[in-house]
């Protein structure tokens, strides 16, 4: 069994315990459990999936394991640790990411851009505003097969586009990600499930890369 095969159930078990005792003292006493249950298998999954994505896309991926420490600077909730696992593989040139998230509320894979940079947002709006039919059709095909799309960030279509623009819903996005929610069976082999999900989402990734130039 690969070290990451137990990642999802072991991580969820650790996060359940952390949620009940979310303090620095408790985490310090259980840091070895975090390393064994979450960090080391997550690092193994990062390496394996990153190598596979580089071969599939022809682009070396910048891999990231998000920190378990929460940013408390602007939060009323002062619990110090996140109770979820987030991994990311990104194409720095295009800003397109492959994503993996594990929590009690979701276990999912995603492809897209969580938040467009200012230049990417300009290119997105320019391309979709001029002729977004192709990527709209690709997104519709993906959502029609069970993938989900985050709701738009904006309530109104941004200027200078009319409110009744044919691609108004897409113009209201400030980032765009399509998600695949893992089945129970997929949770037993996250590496294989990620490869399958990212393969299914490859047409959307290519369409988005074309839009973003």
Protein backbone atom coordinates (compact mmCIF):
# COMPACT_ATOMS: atom_id res chain seq x y z
CA UNK A 1 0.00 0.00 0.00
CA UNK A 2 1.34 3.43 -0.95
CA UNK A 3 1.73 5.91 1.95
CA UNK A 4 -0.99 8.17 0.53
CA UNK A 5 -3.65 5.43 0.22
CA UNK A 6 -4.72 6.02 3.84
CA UNK A 7 -4.41 9.80 3.56
CA UNK A 8 -8.11 10.69 3.44
CA UNK A 9 -9.45 8.59 6.36
CA UNK A 10 -6.36 9.21 8.48
CA UNK A 11 -6.42 12.95 7.82
CA UNK A 12 -10.12 13.18 8.63
CA UNK A 13 -9.58 11.27 11.86
CA UNK A 14 -6.78 13.62 12.86
CA UNK A 15 -8.82 16.71 11.96
CA UNK A 16 -11.76 15.44 14.03
CA UNK A 17 -9.50 15.23 17.07
CA UNK A 18 -7.93 18.60 16.27
CA UNK A 19 -11.37 20.24 15.96
CA UNK A 20 -12.20 19.05 19.48
CA UNK A 21 -8.88 20.33 20.92
CA UNK A 22 -7.83 23.19 18.66
CA UNK A 23 -4.99 24.63 20.73
CA UNK A 24 -1.25 25.02 20.39
CA UNK A 25 -0.59 22.79 23.41
CA UNK A 26 -2.68 19.93 22.00
CA UNK A 27 -1.10 20.21 18.56
CA UNK A 28 2.41 20.26 20.01
CA UNK A 29 1.64 17.06 21.91
CA UNK A 30 0.24 15.40 18.74
CA UNK A 31 2.53 16.83 16.08
CA UNK A 32 4.02 13.39 15.37
CA UNK A 33 0.51 12.15 14.58
CA UNK A 34 0.01 15.05 12.17
CA UNK A 35 3.30 14.27 10.44
CA UNK A 36 2.43 10.57 10.08
CA UNK A 37 -1.27 10.86 9.23
CA UNK A 38 -1.30 14.01 7.12
CA UNK A 39 1.95 15.71 6.16
CA UNK A 40 4.15 12.84 4.97
CA UNK A 41 1.47 11.10 2.88
CA UNK A 42 0.35 14.49 1.52
CA UNK A 43 3.92 15.26 0.49
CA UNK A 44 4.11 11.87 -1.25
CA UNK A 45 0.87 12.61 -3.10
CA UNK A 46 2.17 16.06 -4.07
CA UNK A 47 5.30 14.55 -5.62
CA UNK A 48 3.54 11.68 -7.41
CA UNK A 49 0.72 13.79 -8.82
CA UNK A 50 3.05 16.66 -9.69
CA UNK A 51 5.26 14.34 -11.75
CA UNK A 52 2.20 12.92 -13.51
CA UNK A 53 0.78 16.39 -14.26
CA UNK A 54 4.12 17.59 -15.63
CA UNK A 55 4.18 14.63 -18.02
CA UNK A 56 0.53 15.14 -19.02
CA UNK A 57 0.64 18.90 -19.52
CA UNK A 58 4.26 19.41 -20.55
CA UNK A 59 4.59 22.03 -17.81
CA UNK A 60 6.58 21.68 -14.59
CA UNK A 61 4.14 22.16 -11.73
CA UNK A 62 4.69 24.35 -8.69
CA UNK A 63 3.44 22.11 -5.87
CA UNK A 64 2.10 23.49 -2.61
CA UNK A 65 0.86 21.96 0.64
CA UNK A 66 -1.15 24.67 2.39
CA UNK A 67 -0.14 25.38 5.97
CA UNK A 68 -2.14 23.94 8.82
CA UNK A 69 -1.66 27.20 10.73
CA UNK A 70 -4.53 29.64 10.28
CA UNK A 71 -3.98 33.32 9.45
CA UNK A 72 -5.52 34.99 12.50
CA UNK A 73 -4.73 38.62 11.65
CA UNK A 74 -8.23 39.57 10.47
CA UNK A 75 -10.31 36.75 11.96
CA UNK A 76 -12.57 36.81 15.00
CA UNK A 77 -12.06 33.04 15.24
CA UNK A 78 -8.71 32.66 17.01
CA UNK A 79 -8.43 28.86 16.85
CA UNK A 80 -4.88 28.40 15.58
CA UNK A 81 -5.18 25.47 13.17
CA UNK A 82 -7.09 24.56 10.02
CA UNK A 83 -9.07 21.33 10.11
CA UNK A 84 -8.72 20.66 6.39
CA UNK A 85 -6.02 19.65 3.92
CA UNK A 86 -5.46 21.59 0.70
CA UNK A 87 -2.95 20.69 -2.02
CA UNK A 88 -2.23 22.67 -5.19
CA UNK A 89 -0.27 22.15 -8.39
CA UNK A 90 0.00 25.30 -10.48
CA UNK A 91 1.22 26.47 -13.87
CA UNK A 92 2.82 29.81 -12.90
CA UNK A 93 2.81 31.17 -16.45
CA UNK A 94 -0.95 30.79 -16.94
CA UNK A 95 -2.17 30.83 -13.35
CA UNK A 96 -4.11 27.59 -13.87
CA UNK A 97 -4.17 25.23 -10.89
CA UNK A 98 -5.01 21.63 -10.13
CA UNK A 99 -6.47 21.39 -6.63
CA UNK A 100 -7.25 18.77 -3.99
CA UNK A 101 -9.18 19.38 -0.78
CA UNK A 102 -10.03 17.15 2.18
CA UNK A 103 -12.36 18.06 5.05
CA UNK A 104 -15.48 16.69 6.73
CA UNK A 105 -17.53 18.90 4.37
CA UNK A 106 -15.84 17.88 1.11
CA UNK A 107 -13.28 15.67 -0.57
CA UNK A 108 -12.78 17.01 -4.06
CA UNK A 109 -10.48 17.76 -6.97
CA UNK A 110 -10.62 20.94 -9.00
CA UNK A 111 -9.11 22.61 -12.04
CA UNK A 112 -9.08 26.32 -12.81
CA UNK A 113 -8.07 29.57 -11.15
CA UNK A 114 -9.30 30.38 -7.66
CA UNK A 115 -8.75 34.11 -8.27
CA UNK A 116 -7.58 35.66 -11.52
CA UNK A 117 -4.66 38.05 -11.38
CA UNK A 118 -5.50 41.52 -12.69
CA UNK A 119 -4.05 40.81 -16.17
CA UNK A 120 -5.75 37.39 -16.30
CA UNK A 121 -9.09 38.90 -15.26
CA UNK A 122 -8.76 41.45 -18.07
CA UNK A 123 -8.01 38.68 -20.59
CA UNK A 124 -10.89 36.54 -19.24
CA UNK A 125 -13.43 39.34 -19.58
CA UNK A 126 -12.12 40.39 -22.97
CA UNK A 127 -12.28 36.86 -24.40
CA UNK A 128 -15.58 35.85 -22.80
CA UNK A 129 -17.15 39.22 -23.55
CA UNK A 130 -16.18 39.04 -27.22
CA UNK A 131 -16.95 35.37 -27.89
CA UNK A 132 -17.29 33.07 -24.89
CA UNK A 133 -19.47 30.47 -26.58
CA UNK A 134 -16.74 27.80 -26.76
CA UNK A 135 -15.68 27.85 -23.12
CA UNK A 136 -19.32 28.26 -22.04
CA UNK A 137 -20.15 25.08 -23.96
CA UNK A 138 -17.20 23.27 -22.35
CA UNK A 139 -18.32 24.31 -18.87
CA UNK A 140 -21.91 23.29 -19.64
CA UNK A 141 -20.69 19.88 -20.81
CA UNK A 142 -18.69 19.42 -17.59
CA UNK A 143 -21.48 20.51 -15.26
CA UNK A 144 -23.81 18.26 -17.23
CA UNK A 145 -21.67 15.27 -16.26
CA UNK A 146 -21.74 16.04 -12.55
CA UNK A 147 -18.94 18.56 -12.07
CA UNK A 148 -19.82 21.65 -10.10
CA UNK A 149 -18.90 25.28 -10.62
CA UNK A 150 -18.52 27.81 -7.84
CA UNK A 151 -21.11 30.61 -8.02
CA UNK A 152 -20.02 33.97 -9.53
CA UNK A 153 -18.31 36.44 -7.22
CA UNK A 154 -20.24 39.43 -8.58
CA UNK A 155 -23.98 40.02 -8.41
CA UNK A 156 -24.00 42.13 -11.58
CA UNK A 157 -22.27 41.87 -14.93
CA UNK A 158 -19.28 44.23 -14.82
CA UNK A 159 -19.08 47.30 -17.06
CA UNK A 160 -18.87 47.85 -19.96
CA UNK A 161 -20.85 44.69 -20.70
CA UNK A 162 -24.66 44.81 -20.76
CA UNK A 163 -26.57 43.03 -18.01
CA UNK A 164 -28.22 40.78 -20.60
CA UNK A 165 -24.92 39.70 -22.17
CA UNK A 166 -25.08 36.11 -23.45
CA UNK A 167 -22.15 35.14 -21.21
CA UNK A 168 -23.14 37.37 -18.30
CA UNK A 169 -22.83 34.55 -15.75
CA UNK A 170 -19.23 33.87 -16.76
CA UNK A 171 -18.36 37.58 -16.83
CA UNK A 172 -19.43 37.78 -13.19
CA UNK A 173 -16.65 35.37 -12.18
CA UNK A 174 -13.38 36.73 -10.76
CA UNK A 175 -11.90 33.23 -10.81
CA UNK A 176 -13.26 29.94 -12.08
CA UNK A 177 -12.86 26.34 -10.90
CA UNK A 178 -14.69 23.18 -11.88
CA UNK A 179 -14.86 20.59 -9.10
CA UNK A 180 -15.24 16.82 -8.93
CA UNK A 181 -16.51 15.41 -5.63
CA UNK A 182 -14.94 12.08 -4.69
CA UNK A 183 -17.10 9.01 -4.33
CA UNK A 184 -16.56 6.74 -1.33
CA UNK A 185 -14.65 4.29 -3.53
CA UNK A 186 -12.34 7.03 -4.85
CA UNK A 187 -11.32 7.95 -1.32
CA UNK A 188 -9.46 4.62 -1.06
CA UNK A 189 -6.97 5.55 -3.80
CA UNK A 190 -6.58 9.33 -3.97
CA UNK A 191 -3.67 9.25 -6.44
CA UNK A 192 -5.69 7.28 -9.00
CA UNK A 193 -8.81 9.36 -8.32
CA UNK A 194 -6.90 12.60 -8.89
CA UNK A 195 -5.44 11.35 -12.16
CA UNK A 196 -8.90 10.31 -13.36
CA UNK A 197 -10.51 13.60 -12.29
CA UNK A 198 -7.78 15.73 -13.84
CA UNK A 199 -7.97 13.71 -17.07
CA UNK A 200 -11.73 14.31 -17.31
CA UNK A 201 -11.19 18.01 -16.65
CA UNK A 202 -8.36 18.36 -19.19
CA UNK A 203 -10.64 19.75 -21.97
CA UNK A 204 -11.72 22.54 -19.61
CA UNK A 205 -8.10 23.22 -18.64
CA UNK A 206 -7.13 23.52 -22.31
CA UNK A 207 -10.08 25.79 -23.07
CA UNK A 208 -9.22 28.01 -20.11
CA UNK A 209 -5.56 28.15 -21.18
CA UNK A 210 -6.68 29.34 -24.61
CA UNK A 211 -8.85 32.05 -23.08
CA UNK A 212 -6.07 33.22 -20.76
CA UNK A 213 -3.46 33.12 -23.52
